[in-house]
Protein backbone atom coordinates (compact mmCIF):
# COMPACT_ATOMS: atom_id res chain seq x y z
CA MET A 1 33.07 14.50 4.30
CA PRO A 2 34.26 17.32 2.01
CA GLU A 3 32.96 20.79 2.80
CA ASN A 4 31.37 21.34 -0.62
CA THR A 5 28.46 18.88 -0.40
CA THR A 6 25.52 21.11 -1.27
CA ARG A 7 26.55 22.40 -4.69
CA PRO A 8 28.40 20.47 -7.41
CA ARG A 9 31.78 21.81 -8.44
CA ARG A 10 31.59 23.52 -11.82
CA ASP A 11 34.34 21.30 -13.24
CA ILE A 12 33.03 17.92 -12.05
CA GLY A 13 30.01 15.78 -12.86
CA ARG A 14 27.75 18.07 -14.81
CA TYR A 15 25.69 17.93 -17.97
CA VAL A 16 26.28 20.45 -20.75
CA ASN A 17 22.72 21.74 -20.33
CA ASP A 18 19.38 20.73 -18.87
CA GLU A 19 17.74 19.98 -22.23
CA LEU A 20 20.41 17.46 -23.24
CA ARG A 21 20.36 15.92 -19.74
CA ASP A 22 16.58 15.47 -19.96
CA ARG A 23 16.85 13.91 -23.44
CA TYR A 24 19.48 11.49 -22.15
CA PHE A 25 17.32 10.57 -19.14
CA ALA A 26 14.33 9.95 -21.44
CA ALA A 27 16.43 7.60 -23.58
CA CYS A 28 17.65 5.79 -20.44
CA ASP A 29 14.08 5.45 -19.17
CA ALA A 30 13.09 3.79 -22.46
CA VAL A 31 15.92 1.28 -21.97
CA TYR A 32 15.01 0.67 -18.32
CA ALA A 33 11.46 -0.14 -19.47
CA LEU A 34 12.82 -3.10 -21.45
CA GLY A 35 13.92 -4.84 -18.24
CA ALA A 36 12.28 -5.61 -14.95
CA PRO A 37 10.54 -2.67 -13.29
CA ALA A 38 12.57 -1.25 -10.42
CA ARG A 39 10.92 -1.83 -7.04
CA SER A 40 12.36 1.47 -5.86
CA GLU A 41 14.86 4.21 -6.61
CA THR A 42 16.83 6.05 -3.97
CA ASP A 43 19.76 8.40 -3.58
CA VAL A 44 22.52 7.79 -1.05
CA GLU A 45 25.12 10.33 -0.01
CA THR A 46 28.85 9.64 -0.10
CA SER A 47 31.93 11.82 0.24
CA PHE A 48 32.03 11.99 -3.55
CA GLY A 49 28.43 13.01 -4.19
CA THR A 50 24.97 11.55 -4.45
CA THR A 51 24.70 8.01 -5.81
CA HIS A 52 21.43 7.05 -7.51
CA VAL A 53 20.38 3.45 -6.89
CA TYR A 54 17.77 1.24 -8.58
CA ARG A 55 16.45 -1.66 -6.49
CA TYR A 56 15.06 -4.82 -8.08
CA GLY A 57 13.91 -7.78 -6.15
CA PRO A 58 12.21 -11.08 -5.84
CA ALA A 59 8.47 -11.56 -5.64
CA ASP A 60 9.07 -14.36 -3.12
CA PRO A 61 9.58 -12.78 0.34
CA ALA A 62 11.80 -15.73 1.36
CA ALA A 63 14.30 -14.75 -1.34
CA GLU A 64 14.74 -11.28 0.21
CA SER A 65 17.20 -12.79 2.69
CA ARG A 66 19.54 -14.03 -0.05
CA THR A 67 22.82 -12.22 -0.60
CA PRO A 68 22.07 -9.25 -2.87
CA VAL A 69 23.74 -8.59 -6.20
CA VAL A 70 25.18 -5.13 -6.81
CA LEU A 71 25.59 -4.11 -10.45
CA ILE A 72 28.16 -1.48 -11.50
CA HIS A 73 27.99 -0.31 -15.13
CA GLY A 74 30.81 0.56 -17.50
CA SER A 75 32.27 4.00 -18.13
CA GLY A 76 30.29 6.48 -20.17
CA GLY A 77 26.92 4.93 -19.42
CA CYS A 78 24.50 4.25 -16.61
CA SER A 79 22.83 1.30 -14.95
CA ALA A 80 20.30 1.05 -17.78
CA GLN A 81 22.88 -1.23 -19.42
CA TRP A 82 21.74 -3.98 -17.04
CA TYR A 83 18.17 -4.18 -18.41
CA PRO A 84 18.75 -7.64 -19.97
CA ASN A 85 19.81 -8.99 -16.56
CA THR A 86 17.52 -7.38 -14.00
CA ARG A 87 14.53 -9.67 -14.50
CA ALA A 88 16.44 -12.96 -14.08
CA LEU A 89 18.70 -11.75 -11.28
CA GLY A 90 15.87 -10.01 -9.44
CA ALA A 91 13.71 -13.15 -9.54
CA GLU A 92 16.16 -14.91 -7.23
CA ARG A 93 17.42 -12.21 -4.83
CA PRO A 94 17.61 -8.46 -4.18
CA VAL A 95 19.49 -6.53 -6.87
CA TYR A 96 20.92 -3.02 -6.67
CA ALA A 97 22.10 -1.15 -9.77
CA LEU A 98 24.20 1.91 -8.96
CA ASP A 99 24.79 4.87 -11.27
CA THR A 100 28.43 5.70 -10.67
CA PRO A 101 29.24 9.34 -9.95
CA GLY A 102 31.03 10.95 -12.87
CA ASP A 103 29.20 8.97 -15.52
CA PRO A 104 26.04 10.17 -17.32
CA GLY A 105 23.46 8.72 -14.99
CA ARG A 106 21.36 10.25 -12.24
CA SER A 107 24.17 10.36 -9.67
CA VAL A 108 25.73 13.75 -8.93
CA GLN A 109 29.49 13.83 -8.49
CA ARG A 110 30.99 16.53 -6.24
CA GLU A 111 34.52 15.21 -5.71
CA GLU A 112 37.01 13.35 -7.88
CA MET A 113 37.25 9.59 -7.40
CA TRP A 114 39.48 8.36 -10.21
CA GLN A 115 42.19 7.18 -7.82
CA PRO A 116 41.76 3.52 -6.80
CA GLU A 117 41.64 4.32 -3.07
CA ARG A 118 38.95 6.96 -3.57
CA ALA A 119 36.93 4.69 -5.87
CA ALA A 120 37.04 1.95 -3.22
CA GLN A 121 36.00 4.48 -0.57
CA TRP A 122 33.02 5.51 -2.72
CA MET A 123 31.95 1.88 -3.11
CA ASP A 124 32.29 1.23 0.64
CA GLU A 125 30.31 4.36 1.50
CA ALA A 126 27.55 3.60 -1.01
CA LEU A 127 27.16 0.02 0.24
CA ASP A 128 27.19 1.20 3.86
CA ALA A 129 24.53 3.81 3.11
CA LEU A 130 22.37 1.04 1.62
CA GLY A 131 22.93 -1.13 4.70
CA LEU A 132 24.68 -3.82 2.65
CA ASP A 133 27.62 -5.59 4.27
CA ARG A 134 27.68 -8.80 2.24
CA VAL A 135 27.04 -8.68 -1.52
CA HIS A 136 27.87 -10.24 -4.86
CA LEU A 137 29.54 -7.51 -6.94
CA VAL A 138 29.15 -7.57 -10.73
CA GLY A 139 30.85 -4.99 -12.90
CA SER A 140 31.19 -4.36 -16.61
CA SER A 141 34.40 -2.83 -18.01
CA TYR A 142 35.17 0.18 -15.78
CA GLY A 143 32.56 -1.18 -13.38
CA GLY A 144 34.65 -4.37 -13.21
CA TRP A 145 37.65 -2.28 -12.22
CA LEU A 146 35.59 -0.58 -9.53
CA VAL A 147 34.40 -3.85 -8.06
């Protein structure tokens, strides 16, 4: 893991200021409210920073054992883009929506990951931290490239 894991680098993964960040998060929360409510939110640590994860899931406990779906959003956004899909997908199986580090979500990027090998390493580490070894990956645009 890189040495600088406690404080974000000044040139990577930051908002212009706290007020604009909070306004963006409020807008995202309004969009999240249009979809299924998240069962939980968590942060997982990777070599590239903290990844924020939204967990959706089935009401039927038997469906918890189904292969989960992992949703990766497109560049320049966050996992709120999946609000039209979370209710239907989450009715059938566990669903995880990850905010990718470096995009304007709740993840905090500390190291660059634009190279394909590093992006794949981030994905592997995030899935490992969630305890997921078999998943259905769904990505939109840049998220499709990541998956």
